């Protein structure tokens, strides 16, 4: 094996540990497209692919006695990620499934509507994102920063989100701006003074 092949093999191994096969990532480097607020983006090709296609794992059909949740997750893994609804995002992200591809897409929706609602309550999608495991946020600090930006749009999140917001802020990476905010102001920006 040549040095170039070893380097490529190591890179692919790192990407797989992060949950994104390099060969199947939208950028080709193992990272999902996180979107941009600047200008129009071309629709990434991975939006036409299912989670099964993206992660290369076939979980099979649900057993006959499966719960609604298991059946739904298995069905949603076969749906193109570009066709996933708010409720589908809530379910899959809530089950920690397909996070490298779904969290960036959910964040695009949450930037437009922080209280995007699936089948439960206003903000249930945000609640699912806030409950994503700490390891994911540690491995994806840029996405964590995007969540902090969404939270900045909600100075007073409705119930039951405050507990999730508090837990997320305690565990997820922050940028310098978020670190400068005092814990006493709940992350709210002070108006009237520019610094």
C-alpha atoms as a PDB file:
ATOM      1  CA  UNK A   1       0.000   0.000   0.000  1.00  0.00           C
ATOM      2  CA  UNK A   2       1.437   3.374  -0.925  1.00  0.00           C
ATOM      3  CA  UNK A   3       1.520   6.393   1.353  1.00  0.00           C
ATOM      4  CA  UNK A   4      -1.264   8.054  -0.687  1.00  0.00           C
ATOM      5  CA  UNK A   5      -3.534   5.041  -0.271  1.00  0.00           C
ATOM      6  CA  UNK A   6      -2.779   4.906   3.453  1.00  0.00           C
ATOM      7  CA  UNK A   7      -3.697   8.566   3.817  1.00  0.00           C
ATOM      8  CA  UNK A   8      -6.927   8.019   1.898  1.00  0.00           C
ATOM      9  CA  UNK A   9      -7.727   4.964   4.009  1.00  0.00           C
ATOM     10  CA  UNK A  10      -7.156   6.906   7.235  1.00  0.00           C
ATOM     11  CA  UNK A  11      -9.311   9.790   5.981  1.00  0.00           C
ATOM     12  CA  UNK A  12     -12.148   7.410   5.126  1.00  0.00           C
ATOM     13  CA  UNK A  13     -11.830   5.762   8.537  1.00  0.00           C
ATOM     14  CA  UNK A  14     -12.144   9.143  10.264  1.00  0.00           C
ATOM     15  CA  UNK A  15     -15.198   9.981   8.191  1.00  0.00           C
ATOM     16  CA  UNK A  16     -16.837   6.657   8.970  1.00  0.00           C
ATOM     17  CA  UNK A  17     -16.254   7.181  12.703  1.00  0.00           C
ATOM     18  CA  UNK A  18     -18.000  10.535  12.336  1.00  0.00           C
ATOM     19  CA  UNK A  19     -20.870   8.707  10.652  1.00  0.00           C
ATOM     20  CA  UNK A  20     -20.355   9.958   7.092  1.00  0.00           C
ATOM     21  CA  UNK A  21     -18.751   7.793   4.423  1.00  0.00           C
ATOM     22  CA  UNK A  22     -16.385  10.127   2.530  1.00  0.00           C
ATOM     23  CA  UNK A  23     -17.433   8.721  -0.824  1.00  0.00           C
ATOM     24  CA  UNK A  24     -21.056   9.552  -0.087  1.00  0.00           C
ATOM     25  CA  UNK A  25     -20.726  12.971   1.450  1.00  0.00           C
ATOM     26  CA  UNK A  26     -22.029  15.944  -0.521  1.00  0.00           C
ATOM     27  CA  UNK A  27     -18.624  17.626  -0.305  1.00  0.00           C
ATOM     28  CA  UNK A  28     -16.635  14.438  -0.911  1.00  0.00           C
ATOM     29  CA  UNK A  29     -14.726  14.888   2.338  1.00  0.00           C
ATOM     30  CA  UNK A  30     -17.088  13.027   4.643  1.00  0.00           C
ATOM     31  CA  UNK A  31     -18.941  16.067   5.893  1.00  0.00           C
ATOM     32  CA  UNK A  32     -22.559  16.822   5.058  1.00  0.00           C
ATOM     33  CA  UNK A  33     -23.512  20.078   3.407  1.00  0.00           C
ATOM     34  CA  UNK A  34     -24.496  22.448   6.177  1.00  0.00           C
ATOM     35  CA  UNK A  35     -25.972  25.089   3.937  1.00  0.00           C
ATOM     36  CA  UNK A  36     -25.285  28.770   3.780  1.00  0.00           C
ATOM     37  CA  UNK A  37     -27.295  31.891   4.268  1.00  0.00           C
ATOM     38  CA  UNK A  38     -25.316  33.644   1.524  1.00  0.00           C
ATOM     39  CA  UNK A  39     -26.803  33.472  -1.958  1.00  0.00           C
ATOM     40  CA  UNK A  40     -28.648  30.628  -3.616  1.00  0.00           C
ATOM     41  CA  UNK A  41     -27.195  27.164  -3.349  1.00  0.00           C
ATOM     42  CA  UNK A  42     -27.573  24.481  -5.957  1.00  0.00           C
ATOM     43  CA  UNK A  43     -29.648  21.581  -4.621  1.00  0.00           C
ATOM     44  CA  UNK A  44     -27.153  18.979  -3.380  1.00  0.00           C
ATOM     45  CA  UNK A  45     -27.421  15.607  -5.129  1.00  0.00           C
ATOM     46  CA  UNK A  46     -27.582  13.798  -1.795  1.00  0.00           C
ATOM     47  CA  UNK A  47     -31.114  15.163  -1.248  1.00  0.00           C
ATOM     48  CA  UNK A  48     -32.345  12.626  -3.812  1.00  0.00           C
ATOM     49  CA  UNK A  49     -30.872   9.751  -1.810  1.00  0.00           C
ATOM     50  CA  UNK A  50     -32.258   7.905   1.193  1.00  0.00           C
ATOM     51  CA  UNK A  51     -30.455   7.438   4.488  1.00  0.00           C
ATOM     52  CA  UNK A  52     -29.994   3.783   3.502  1.00  0.00           C
ATOM     53  CA  UNK A  53     -28.186   4.917   0.363  1.00  0.00           C
ATOM     54  CA  UNK A  54     -26.176   7.583   2.156  1.00  0.00           C
ATOM     55  CA  UNK A  55     -24.903   5.478   5.039  1.00  0.00           C
ATOM     56  CA  UNK A  56     -24.806   2.194   3.109  1.00  0.00           C
ATOM     57  CA  UNK A  57     -26.711   0.342   5.828  1.00  0.00           C
ATOM     58  CA  UNK A  58     -29.855  -1.680   5.145  1.00  0.00           C
ATOM     59  CA  UNK A  59     -31.805  -2.157   8.343  1.00  0.00           C
ATOM     60  CA  UNK A  60     -34.347  -4.451   6.700  1.00  0.00           C
ATOM     61  CA  UNK A  61     -38.090  -4.661   7.036  1.00  0.00           C
ATOM     62  CA  UNK A  62     -39.800  -4.230  10.380  1.00  0.00           C
ATOM     63  CA  UNK A  63     -40.885  -7.425  12.134  1.00  0.00           C
ATOM     64  CA  UNK A  64     -44.636  -8.056  12.099  1.00  0.00           C
ATOM     65  CA  UNK A  65     -44.962  -7.137  15.784  1.00  0.00           C
ATOM     66  CA  UNK A  66     -42.987  -3.870  15.485  1.00  0.00           C
ATOM     67  CA  UNK A  67     -44.101  -0.699  17.188  1.00  0.00           C
ATOM     68  CA  UNK A  68     -45.294   2.310  15.197  1.00  0.00           C
ATOM     69  CA  UNK A  69     -41.997   4.053  15.908  1.00  0.00           C
ATOM     70  CA  UNK A  70     -39.803   1.196  14.661  1.00  0.00           C
ATOM     71  CA  UNK A  71     -41.912   0.757  11.529  1.00  0.00           C
ATOM     72  CA  UNK A  72     -41.859   4.492  10.830  1.00  0.00           C
ATOM     73  CA  UNK A  73     -38.096   4.848  11.300  1.00  0.00           C
ATOM     74  CA  UNK A  74     -37.415   1.911   8.984  1.00  0.00           C
ATOM     75  CA  UNK A  75     -39.754   3.370   6.345  1.00  0.00           C
ATOM     76  CA  UNK A  76     -38.261   6.862   6.658  1.00  0.00           C
ATOM     77  CA  UNK A  77     -34.736   5.517   6.164  1.00  0.00           C
ATOM     78  CA  UNK A  78     -35.845   4.579   2.623  1.00  0.00           C
ATOM     79  CA  UNK A  79     -37.290   8.014   1.805  1.00  0.00           C
ATOM     80  CA  UNK A  80     -35.101  10.568  -0.056  1.00  0.00           C
ATOM     81  CA  UNK A  81     -33.810  13.026   2.551  1.00  0.00           C
ATOM     82  CA  UNK A  82     -34.984  15.945   0.409  1.00  0.00           C
ATOM     83  CA  UNK A  83     -38.586  14.738   0.860  1.00  0.00           C
ATOM     84  CA  UNK A  84     -38.448  14.438   4.650  1.00  0.00           C
ATOM     85  CA  UNK A  85     -41.202  16.431   6.408  1.00  0.00           C
ATOM     86  CA  UNK A  86     -40.952  18.342   9.670  1.00  0.00           C
ATOM     87  CA  UNK A  87     -42.535  15.407  11.482  1.00  0.00           C
ATOM     88  CA  UNK A  88     -40.152  12.977   9.765  1.00  0.00           C
ATOM     89  CA  UNK A  89     -37.189  15.114  10.891  1.00  0.00           C
ATOM     90  CA  UNK A  90     -38.559  15.141  14.433  1.00  0.00           C
ATOM     91  CA  UNK A  91     -38.915  11.370  14.526  1.00  0.00           C
ATOM     92  CA  UNK A  92     -35.563  10.505  12.940  1.00  0.00           C
ATOM     93  CA  UNK A  93     -33.522  13.116  14.803  1.00  0.00           C
ATOM     94  CA  UNK A  94     -35.319  12.193  18.019  1.00  0.00           C
ATOM     95  CA  UNK A  95     -34.112   8.622  17.490  1.00  0.00           C
ATOM     96  CA  UNK A  96     -30.567   9.862  16.661  1.00  0.00           C
ATOM     97  CA  UNK A  97     -30.869   8.453  13.119  1.00  0.00           C
ATOM     98  CA  UNK A  98     -29.131  10.027  10.116  1.00  0.00           C
ATOM     99  CA  UNK A  99     -27.837  12.994  12.096  1.00  0.00           C
ATOM    100  CA  UNK A 100     -24.987  13.979   9.732  1.00  0.00           C
ATOM    101  CA  UNK A 101     -27.491  14.518   6.922  1.00  0.00           C
ATOM    102  CA  UNK A 102     -30.680  15.474   8.732  1.00  0.00           C
ATOM    103  CA  UNK A 103     -29.448  17.982  11.326  1.00  0.00           C
ATOM    104  CA  UNK A 104     -28.115  20.422   8.682  1.00  0.00           C
ATOM    105  CA  UNK A 105     -31.431  20.200   6.809  1.00  0.00           C
ATOM    106  CA  UNK A 106     -33.446  20.647   9.996  1.00  0.00           C
ATOM    107  CA  UNK A 107     -31.341  23.699  10.866  1.00  0.00           C
ATOM    108  CA  UNK A 108     -32.179  25.255   7.497  1.00  0.00           C
ATOM    109  CA  UNK A 109     -35.848  24.890   8.392  1.00  0.00           C
ATOM    110  CA  UNK A 110     -35.332  26.142  11.962  1.00  0.00           C
ATOM    111  CA  UNK A 111     -33.542  29.272  10.744  1.00  0.00           C
ATOM    112  CA  UNK A 112     -36.702  30.099   8.785  1.00  0.00           C
ATOM    113  CA  UNK A 113     -39.075  29.038  11.579  1.00  0.00           C
ATOM    114  CA  UNK A 114     -37.540  28.273  15.000  1.00  0.00           C
ATOM    115  CA  UNK A 115     -40.883  26.892  16.188  1.00  0.00           C
ATOM    116  CA  UNK A 116     -41.398  24.546  13.221  1.00  0.00           C
ATOM    117  CA  UNK A 117     -43.932  21.966  14.314  1.00  0.00           C
ATOM    118  CA  UNK A 118     -44.269  18.269  13.606  1.00  0.00           C
ATOM    119  CA  UNK A 119     -47.237  16.435  15.116  1.00  0.00           C
ATOM    120  CA  UNK A 120     -46.825  17.479  18.757  1.00  0.00           C
ATOM    121  CA  UNK A 121     -46.293  21.146  19.630  1.00  0.00           C
ATOM    122  CA  UNK A 122     -44.763  24.343  18.260  1.00  0.00           C
ATOM    123  CA  UNK A 123     -41.005  23.880  18.471  1.00  0.00           C
ATOM    124  CA  UNK A 124     -41.035  20.076  18.640  1.00  0.00           C
ATOM    125  CA  UNK A 125     -38.444  19.898  15.843  1.00  0.00           C
ATOM    126  CA  UNK A 126     -36.168  22.272  17.758  1.00  0.00           C
ATOM    127  CA  UNK A 127     -36.689  20.122  20.852  1.00  0.00           C
ATOM    128  CA  UNK A 128     -35.531  17.027  18.950  1.00  0.00           C
ATOM    129  CA  UNK A 129     -32.444  18.884  17.685  1.00  0.00           C
ATOM    130  CA  UNK A 130     -31.636  20.155  21.176  1.00  0.00           C
ATOM    131  CA  UNK A 131     -31.762  16.588  22.529  1.00  0.00           C
ATOM    132  CA  UNK A 132     -29.193  15.260  20.040  1.00  0.00           C
ATOM    133  CA  UNK A 133     -26.352  13.567  21.908  1.00  0.00           C
ATOM    134  CA  UNK A 134     -23.401  15.654  23.109  1.00  0.00           C
ATOM    135  CA  UNK A 135     -20.918  13.577  21.098  1.00  0.00           C
ATOM    136  CA  UNK A 136     -22.530  14.725  17.850  1.00  0.00           C
ATOM    137  CA  UNK A 137     -22.221  18.394  18.824  1.00  0.00           C
ATOM    138  CA  UNK A 138     -18.604  17.909  19.934  1.00  0.00           C
ATOM    139  CA  UNK A 139     -17.803  16.394  16.524  1.00  0.00           C
ATOM    140  CA  UNK A 140     -19.808  19.086  14.677  1.00  0.00           C
ATOM    141  CA  UNK A 141     -19.195  22.431  16.429  1.00  0.00           C
ATOM    142  CA  UNK A 142     -20.222  24.461  13.365  1.00  0.00           C
ATOM    143  CA  UNK A 143     -23.669  22.874  13.535  1.00  0.00           C
ATOM    144  CA  UNK A 144     -23.823  23.522  17.288  1.00  0.00           C
ATOM    145  CA  UNK A 145     -23.088  27.188  16.565  1.00  0.00           C
ATOM    146  CA  UNK A 146     -26.002  27.212  14.120  1.00  0.00           C
ATOM    147  CA  UNK A 147     -28.272  25.881  16.867  1.00  0.00           C
ATOM    148  CA  UNK A 148     -27.074  28.676  19.164  1.00  0.00           C
ATOM    149  CA  UNK A 149     -27.986  31.159  16.397  1.00  0.00           C
ATOM    150  CA  UNK A 150     -31.491  29.661  16.167  1.00  0.00           C
ATOM    151  CA  UNK A 151     -31.834  29.921  19.950  1.00  0.00           C
ATOM    152  CA  UNK A 152     -30.877  33.594  19.714  1.00  0.00           C
ATOM    153  CA  UNK A 153     -34.072  34.050  17.669  1.00  0.00           C
ATOM    154  CA  UNK A 154     -36.119  32.767  20.637  1.00  0.00           C
ATOM    155  CA  UNK A 155     -35.470  34.928  23.701  1.00  0.00           C
ATOM    156  CA  UNK A 156     -38.319  33.185  25.554  1.00  0.00           C
ATOM    157  CA  UNK A 157     -38.813  29.662  24.169  1.00  0.00           C
ATOM    158  CA  UNK A 158     -42.247  28.175  24.869  1.00  0.00           C
ATOM    159  CA  UNK A 159     -42.739  25.213  27.167  1.00  0.00           C
ATOM    160  CA  UNK A 160     -41.424  22.507  27.172  1.00  0.00           C
ATOM    161  CA  UNK A 161     -38.315  23.855  25.388  1.00  0.00           C
ATOM    162  CA  UNK A 162     -36.565  25.800  28.212  1.00  0.00           C
ATOM    163  CA  UNK A 163     -35.207  22.636  29.869  1.00  0.00           C
ATOM    164  CA  UNK A 164     -33.880  21.376  26.510  1.00  0.00           C
ATOM    165  CA  UNK A 165     -32.356  24.804  25.764  1.00  0.00           C
ATOM    166  CA  UNK A 166     -30.612  24.863  29.134  1.00  0.00           C
ATOM    167  CA  UNK A 167     -29.246  21.344  28.702  1.00  0.00           C
ATOM    168  CA  UNK A 168     -28.050  22.074  25.149  1.00  0.00           C
ATOM    169  CA  UNK A 169     -26.315  25.308  26.171  1.00  0.00           C
ATOM    170  CA  UNK A 170     -24.549  23.447  29.009  1.00  0.00           C
ATOM    171  CA  UNK A 171     -23.203  20.639  26.804  1.00  0.00           C
ATOM    172  CA  UNK A 172     -22.756  21.961  23.249  1.00  0.00           C
ATOM    173  CA  UNK A 173     -19.751  23.871  21.934  1.00  0.00           C
ATOM    174  CA  UNK A 174     -20.265  27.621  21.785  1.00  0.00           C
ATOM    175  CA  UNK A 175     -18.658  30.429  19.887  1.00  0.00           C
ATOM    176  CA  UNK A 176     -17.011  33.382  21.643  1.00  0.00           C
ATOM    177  CA  UNK A 177     -20.144  35.496  21.358  1.00  0.00           C
ATOM    178  CA  UNK A 178     -22.173  32.879  23.238  1.00  0.00           C
ATOM    179  CA  UNK A 179     -19.458  32.455  25.875  1.00  0.00           C
ATOM    180  CA  UNK A 180     -19.480  36.183  26.659  1.00  0.00           C
ATOM    181  CA  UNK A 181     -23.175  36.113  27.527  1.00  0.00           C
ATOM    182  CA  UNK A 182     -23.876  35.768  31.199  1.00  0.00           C
ATOM    183  CA  UNK A 183     -25.842  32.799  32.419  1.00  0.00           C
ATOM    184  CA  UNK A 184     -28.205  35.184  34.197  1.00  0.00           C
ATOM    185  CA  UNK A 185     -29.640  36.655  31.021  1.00  0.00           C
ATOM    186  CA  UNK A 186     -30.621  33.239  29.628  1.00  0.00           C
ATOM    187  CA  UNK A 187     -28.728  33.920  26.412  1.00  0.00           C
ATOM    188  CA  UNK A 188     -30.876  36.931  25.505  1.00  0.00           C
ATOM    189  CA  UNK A 189     -29.292  39.855  23.743  1.00  0.00           C
ATOM    190  CA  UNK A 190     -29.469  43.202  25.405  1.00  0.00           C
ATOM    191  CA  UNK A 191     -31.042  45.821  23.178  1.00  0.00           C
ATOM    192  CA  UNK A 192     -30.161  49.465  22.885  1.00  0.00           C
ATOM    193  CA  UNK A 193     -26.407  49.258  23.374  1.00  0.00           C
ATOM    194  CA  UNK A 194     -23.964  48.289  20.695  1.00  0.00           C
ATOM    195  CA  UNK A 195     -20.505  47.221  21.556  1.00  0.00           C
END
